[in-house]
Amino acid sequence: MTTTPESASSTQRDEDAVRRYVEHLGLTLSQIGMQRMPARVFAALMTTDAGRLTAAELADQLSVSPAAISGAVRYLEQIGLVAKEREPGSRRDHYRLFDDLWYATFMKRDRMITMWRDAADEGVSALGEDTPAGERVAEMRDFLSFMIKELNDMYAKWHEMRAEKGR
């Protein structure tokens, strides 16, 4: 068993187990719809104690080409999961996950759901709420309105829970 401290923490990491977990998490994410390489890059960033990695470090860790990393991080940046940063005087970009990642991700989804709900509301107006199509679109609108309310309540609870844990 290889154990290497990745940070100042007193906890030792089994790097072979971490590599297997990165592949498992990447596979799981790809099975639920994320592209395979971005899923692996996301998993690698989730599991680094440093909190950030360069493209070269990601390529080395995942045994892939720099081009594969470039496409993956570009995709992850576009969907709002990863930030690119560069230290002054450095020529290397570092990639890191956003702070409060889950909240930020779902807030972006919340905006999309709101847009979808608003479009459904326009559809109800155009179709007429008493028509079969209008009833279907109204049900979609009502469900999306329900989701928005419930998600907002969940976000508030999440922040309360984090505050209780001191995060």
C-alpha atoms as a PDB file:
ATOM      1  CA  MET A   1       0.000   0.000   0.000  1.00  0.00           C
ATOM      2  CA  THR A   2       1.390   3.344  -1.037  1.00  0.00           C
ATOM      3  CA  THR A   3       0.638   6.141   1.364  1.00  0.00           C
ATOM      4  CA  THR A   4       1.604   9.666   0.575  1.00  0.00           C
ATOM      5  CA  PRO A   5       0.526  12.748   2.437  1.00  0.00           C
ATOM      6  CA  GLU A   6      -0.717  15.227  -0.162  1.00  0.00           C
ATOM      7  CA  SER A   7      -0.981  18.064   2.345  1.00  0.00           C
ATOM      8  CA  ALA A   8       0.015  18.979   5.854  1.00  0.00           C
ATOM      9  CA  SER A   9      -2.797  16.748   7.147  1.00  0.00           C
ATOM     10  CA  SER A  10      -1.848  13.902   9.462  1.00  0.00           C
ATOM     11  CA  THR A  11      -4.062  11.556   7.441  1.00  0.00           C
ATOM     12  CA  GLN A  12      -2.260   9.246   5.036  1.00  0.00           C
ATOM     13  CA  ARG A  13      -3.733   8.545   1.607  1.00  0.00           C
ATOM     14  CA  ASP A  14      -3.642   5.238  -0.207  1.00  0.00           C
ATOM     15  CA  GLU A  15      -2.855   6.618  -3.669  1.00  0.00           C
ATOM     16  CA  ASP A  16      -3.801   3.363  -5.409  1.00  0.00           C
ATOM     17  CA  ALA A  17      -7.210   3.469  -3.737  1.00  0.00           C
ATOM     18  CA  VAL A  18      -7.539   7.147  -4.680  1.00  0.00           C
ATOM     19  CA  ARG A  19      -6.754   6.351  -8.349  1.00  0.00           C
ATOM     20  CA  ARG A  20      -9.369   3.585  -8.344  1.00  0.00           C
ATOM     21  CA  TYR A  21     -11.885   5.946  -6.762  1.00  0.00           C
ATOM     22  CA  VAL A  22     -11.180   8.670  -9.350  1.00  0.00           C
ATOM     23  CA  GLU A  23     -11.905   6.157 -12.120  1.00  0.00           C
ATOM     24  CA  HIS A  24     -15.018   4.889 -10.318  1.00  0.00           C
ATOM     25  CA  LEU A  25     -16.383   8.407  -9.762  1.00  0.00           C
ATOM     26  CA  GLY A  26     -15.572   9.344 -13.372  1.00  0.00           C
ATOM     27  CA  LEU A  27     -17.405   6.262 -14.631  1.00  0.00           C
ATOM     28  CA  THR A  28     -20.385   6.975 -12.382  1.00  0.00           C
ATOM     29  CA  LEU A  29     -20.609  10.566 -13.616  1.00  0.00           C
ATOM     30  CA  SER A  30     -20.377   9.422 -17.237  1.00  0.00           C
ATOM     31  CA  GLN A  31     -23.155   6.885 -16.638  1.00  0.00           C
ATOM     32  CA  ILE A  32     -25.451   9.693 -15.496  1.00  0.00           C
ATOM     33  CA  GLY A  33     -24.698  11.829 -18.537  1.00  0.00           C
ATOM     34  CA  MET A  34     -21.404  13.698 -18.139  1.00  0.00           C
ATOM     35  CA  GLN A  35     -18.857  13.216 -20.914  1.00  0.00           C
ATOM     36  CA  ARG A  36     -16.189  10.664 -19.914  1.00  0.00           C
ATOM     37  CA  MET A  37     -13.044  12.844 -19.916  1.00  0.00           C
ATOM     38  CA  PRO A  38     -14.629  15.834 -18.141  1.00  0.00           C
ATOM     39  CA  ALA A  39     -15.998  13.353 -15.593  1.00  0.00           C
ATOM     40  CA  ARG A  40     -12.509  11.981 -14.926  1.00  0.00           C
ATOM     41  CA  VAL A  41     -11.004  15.489 -14.670  1.00  0.00           C
ATOM     42  CA  PHE A  42     -13.772  16.551 -12.280  1.00  0.00           C
ATOM     43  CA  ALA A  43     -13.133  13.432 -10.162  1.00  0.00           C
ATOM     44  CA  ALA A  44      -9.385  14.171 -10.069  1.00  0.00           C
ATOM     45  CA  LEU A  45     -10.014  17.743  -8.935  1.00  0.00           C
ATOM     46  CA  MET A  46     -12.503  16.564  -6.299  1.00  0.00           C
ATOM     47  CA  THR A  47      -9.931  14.227  -4.798  1.00  0.00           C
ATOM     48  CA  THR A  48      -6.853  16.444  -4.682  1.00  0.00           C
ATOM     49  CA  ASP A  49      -6.060  17.900  -1.285  1.00  0.00           C
ATOM     50  CA  ALA A  50      -4.252  20.788  -2.979  1.00  0.00           C
ATOM     51  CA  GLY A  51      -7.584  21.958  -4.360  1.00  0.00           C
ATOM     52  CA  ARG A  52      -6.173  22.653  -7.793  1.00  0.00           C
ATOM     53  CA  LEU A  53      -4.074  21.007 -10.487  1.00  0.00           C
ATOM     54  CA  THR A  54      -2.317  22.089 -13.679  1.00  0.00           C
ATOM     55  CA  ALA A  55      -3.188  20.567 -17.037  1.00  0.00           C
ATOM     56  CA  ALA A  56       0.126  18.675 -16.950  1.00  0.00           C
ATOM     57  CA  GLU A  57      -0.658  17.265 -13.496  1.00  0.00           C
ATOM     58  CA  LEU A  58      -4.117  16.211 -14.653  1.00  0.00           C
ATOM     59  CA  ALA A  59      -2.707  14.591 -17.812  1.00  0.00           C
ATOM     60  CA  ASP A  60      -0.098  12.725 -15.764  1.00  0.00           C
ATOM     61  CA  GLN A  61      -2.557  11.603 -13.094  1.00  0.00           C
ATOM     62  CA  LEU A  62      -5.127  10.398 -15.632  1.00  0.00           C
ATOM     63  CA  SER A  63      -2.566   9.047 -18.164  1.00  0.00           C
ATOM     64  CA  VAL A  64      -4.040  11.025 -21.049  1.00  0.00           C
ATOM     65  CA  SER A  65      -2.841  13.615 -23.538  1.00  0.00           C
ATOM     66  CA  PRO A  66      -2.769  17.341 -22.784  1.00  0.00           C
ATOM     67  CA  ALA A  67      -5.274  17.806 -25.643  1.00  0.00           C
ATOM     68  CA  ALA A  68      -7.771  15.568 -23.825  1.00  0.00           C
ATOM     69  CA  ILE A  69      -7.348  17.671 -20.680  1.00  0.00           C
ATOM     70  CA  SER A  70      -7.751  20.903 -22.638  1.00  0.00           C
ATOM     71  CA  GLY A  71     -11.112  19.854 -24.059  1.00  0.00           C
ATOM     72  CA  ALA A  72     -12.306  18.496 -20.726  1.00  0.00           C
ATOM     73  CA  VAL A  73     -11.474  21.604 -18.700  1.00  0.00           C
ATOM     74  CA  ARG A  74     -12.975  23.843 -21.384  1.00  0.00           C
ATOM     75  CA  TYR A  75     -16.235  21.882 -21.076  1.00  0.00           C
ATOM     76  CA  LEU A  76     -16.124  21.989 -17.254  1.00  0.00           C
ATOM     77  CA  GLU A  77     -15.517  25.757 -17.362  1.00  0.00           C
ATOM     78  CA  GLN A  78     -18.478  26.241 -19.709  1.00  0.00           C
ATOM     79  CA  ILE A  79     -20.863  24.387 -17.414  1.00  0.00           C
ATOM     80  CA  GLY A  80     -19.573  26.246 -14.364  1.00  0.00           C
ATOM     81  CA  LEU A  81     -17.853  23.456 -12.432  1.00  0.00           C
ATOM     82  CA  VAL A  82     -14.221  24.530 -12.827  1.00  0.00           C
ATOM     83  CA  ALA A  83     -12.346  27.819 -12.675  1.00  0.00           C
ATOM     84  CA  LYS A  84      -9.046  28.527 -14.403  1.00  0.00           C
ATOM     85  CA  GLU A  85      -6.547  30.680 -12.544  1.00  0.00           C
ATOM     86  CA  ARG A  86      -2.971  31.754 -13.069  1.00  0.00           C
ATOM     87  CA  GLU A  87      -0.603  33.036 -10.421  1.00  0.00           C
ATOM     88  CA  PRO A  88       1.196  36.305 -11.221  1.00  0.00           C
ATOM     89  CA  GLY A  89       4.427  35.573 -13.058  1.00  0.00           C
ATOM     90  CA  SER A  90       3.445  31.986 -13.816  1.00  0.00           C
ATOM     91  CA  ARG A  91       2.830  30.623 -17.288  1.00  0.00           C
ATOM     92  CA  ARG A  92       0.815  27.659 -16.086  1.00  0.00           C
ATOM     93  CA  ASP A  93      -2.910  27.627 -15.626  1.00  0.00           C
ATOM     94  CA  HIS A  94      -4.300  25.883 -12.584  1.00  0.00           C
ATOM     95  CA  TYR A  95      -7.779  24.419 -12.512  1.00  0.00           C
ATOM     96  CA  ARG A  96      -9.871  24.289  -9.374  1.00  0.00           C
ATOM     97  CA  LEU A  97     -13.426  23.589  -8.379  1.00  0.00           C
ATOM     98  CA  PHE A  98     -15.543  26.557  -7.395  1.00  0.00           C
ATOM     99  CA  ASP A  99     -16.063  27.280  -3.712  1.00  0.00           C
ATOM    100  CA  ASP A 100     -19.586  26.304  -2.683  1.00  0.00           C
ATOM    101  CA  LEU A 101     -19.700  24.265  -5.881  1.00  0.00           C
ATOM    102  CA  TRP A 102     -23.003  22.525  -5.269  1.00  0.00           C
ATOM    103  CA  TYR A 103     -24.875  25.686  -4.446  1.00  0.00           C
ATOM    104  CA  ALA A 104     -23.469  27.525  -7.482  1.00  0.00           C
ATOM    105  CA  THR A 105     -24.255  24.607  -9.787  1.00  0.00           C
ATOM    106  CA  PHE A 106     -27.837  24.352  -8.670  1.00  0.00           C
ATOM    107  CA  MET A 107     -28.346  28.113  -8.742  1.00  0.00           C
ATOM    108  CA  LYS A 108     -27.415  27.983 -12.416  1.00  0.00           C
ATOM    109  CA  ARG A 109     -29.941  25.166 -12.871  1.00  0.00           C
ATOM    110  CA  ASP A 110     -32.490  27.244 -10.968  1.00  0.00           C
ATOM    111  CA  ARG A 111     -32.142  30.020 -13.561  1.00  0.00           C
ATOM    112  CA  MET A 112     -32.663  27.492 -16.348  1.00  0.00           C
ATOM    113  CA  ILE A 113     -35.752  26.078 -14.634  1.00  0.00           C
ATOM    114  CA  THR A 114     -37.111  29.612 -14.213  1.00  0.00           C
ATOM    115  CA  MET A 115     -36.602  30.300 -17.922  1.00  0.00           C
ATOM    116  CA  TRP A 116     -38.328  27.002 -18.750  1.00  0.00           C
ATOM    117  CA  ARG A 117     -41.222  27.844 -16.433  1.00  0.00           C
ATOM    118  CA  ASP A 118     -41.590  31.307 -17.979  1.00  0.00           C
ATOM    119  CA  ALA A 119     -41.630  29.783 -21.471  1.00  0.00           C
ATOM    120  CA  ALA A 120     -44.313  27.337 -20.310  1.00  0.00           C
ATOM    121  CA  ASP A 121     -46.359  30.239 -18.969  1.00  0.00           C
ATOM    122  CA  GLU A 122     -46.176  31.915 -22.385  1.00  0.00           C
ATOM    123  CA  GLY A 123     -47.282  28.616 -23.931  1.00  0.00           C
ATOM    124  CA  VAL A 124     -50.336  28.445 -21.679  1.00  0.00           C
ATOM    125  CA  SER A 125     -51.284  31.955 -22.785  1.00  0.00           C
ATOM    126  CA  ALA A 126     -50.868  31.034 -26.446  1.00  0.00           C
ATOM    127  CA  LEU A 127     -52.619  27.653 -26.238  1.00  0.00           C
ATOM    128  CA  GLY A 128     -55.349  28.513 -23.791  1.00  0.00           C
ATOM    129  CA  GLU A 129     -55.421  26.788 -20.413  1.00  0.00           C
ATOM    130  CA  ASP A 130     -58.653  24.939 -21.270  1.00  0.00           C
ATOM    131  CA  THR A 131     -57.243  23.099 -24.293  1.00  0.00           C
ATOM    132  CA  PRO A 132     -55.635  19.644 -23.943  1.00  0.00           C
ATOM    133  CA  ALA A 133     -52.238  21.060 -25.004  1.00  0.00           C
ATOM    134  CA  GLY A 134     -52.696  24.070 -22.730  1.00  0.00           C
ATOM    135  CA  GLU A 135     -53.473  21.771 -19.783  1.00  0.00           C
ATOM    136  CA  ARG A 136     -50.275  19.766 -20.410  1.00  0.00           C
ATOM    137  CA  VAL A 137     -48.169  22.915 -20.642  1.00  0.00           C
ATOM    138  CA  ALA A 138     -49.890  24.376 -17.553  1.00  0.00           C
ATOM    139  CA  GLU A 139     -49.037  21.227 -15.602  1.00  0.00           C
ATOM    140  CA  MET A 140     -45.414  21.566 -16.703  1.00  0.00           C
ATOM    141  CA  ARG A 141     -45.424  25.235 -15.637  1.00  0.00           C
ATOM    142  CA  ASP A 142     -46.958  24.374 -12.266  1.00  0.00           C
ATOM    143  CA  PHE A 143     -44.467  21.572 -11.651  1.00  0.00           C
ATOM    144  CA  LEU A 144     -41.550  23.849 -12.528  1.00  0.00           C
ATOM    145  CA  SER A 145     -42.920  26.538 -10.184  1.00  0.00           C
ATOM    146  CA  PHE A 146     -43.119  23.907  -7.441  1.00  0.00           C
ATOM    147  CA  MET A 147     -39.521  22.831  -8.138  1.00  0.00           C
ATOM    148  CA  ILE A 148     -38.248  26.403  -7.934  1.00  0.00           C
ATOM    149  CA  LYS A 149     -39.871  26.914  -4.534  1.00  0.00           C
ATOM    150  CA  GLU A 150     -38.623  23.593  -3.173  1.00  0.00           C
ATOM    151  CA  LEU A 151     -35.088  24.168  -4.474  1.00  0.00           C
ATOM    152  CA  ASN A 152     -34.959  27.589  -2.832  1.00  0.00           C
ATOM    153  CA  ASP A 153     -36.037  26.019   0.466  1.00  0.00           C
ATOM    154  CA  MET A 154     -33.366  23.339   0.037  1.00  0.00           C
ATOM    155  CA  TYR A 155     -30.670  25.957  -0.616  1.00  0.00           C
ATOM    156  CA  ALA A 156     -31.599  27.770   2.592  1.00  0.00           C
ATOM    157  CA  LYS A 157     -31.461  24.518   4.590  1.00  0.00           C
ATOM    158  CA  TRP A 158     -28.125  23.624   3.001  1.00  0.00           C
ATOM    159  CA  HIS A 159     -26.571  26.923   4.078  1.00  0.00           C
ATOM    160  CA  GLU A 160     -27.974  26.495   7.599  1.00  0.00           C
ATOM    161  CA  MET A 161     -26.445  23.018   7.783  1.00  0.00           C
ATOM    162  CA  ARG A 162     -23.080  24.274   6.555  1.00  0.00           C
ATOM    163  CA  ALA A 163     -23.137  27.116   9.089  1.00  0.00           C
ATOM    164  CA  GLU A 164     -23.863  24.640  11.880  1.00  0.00           C
ATOM    165  CA  LYS A 165     -20.825  22.608  10.792  1.00  0.00           C
ATOM    166  CA  GLY A 166     -18.701  25.765  10.702  1.00  0.00           C
ATOM    167  CA  ARG A 167     -18.118  25.743   6.928  1.00  0.00           C
END
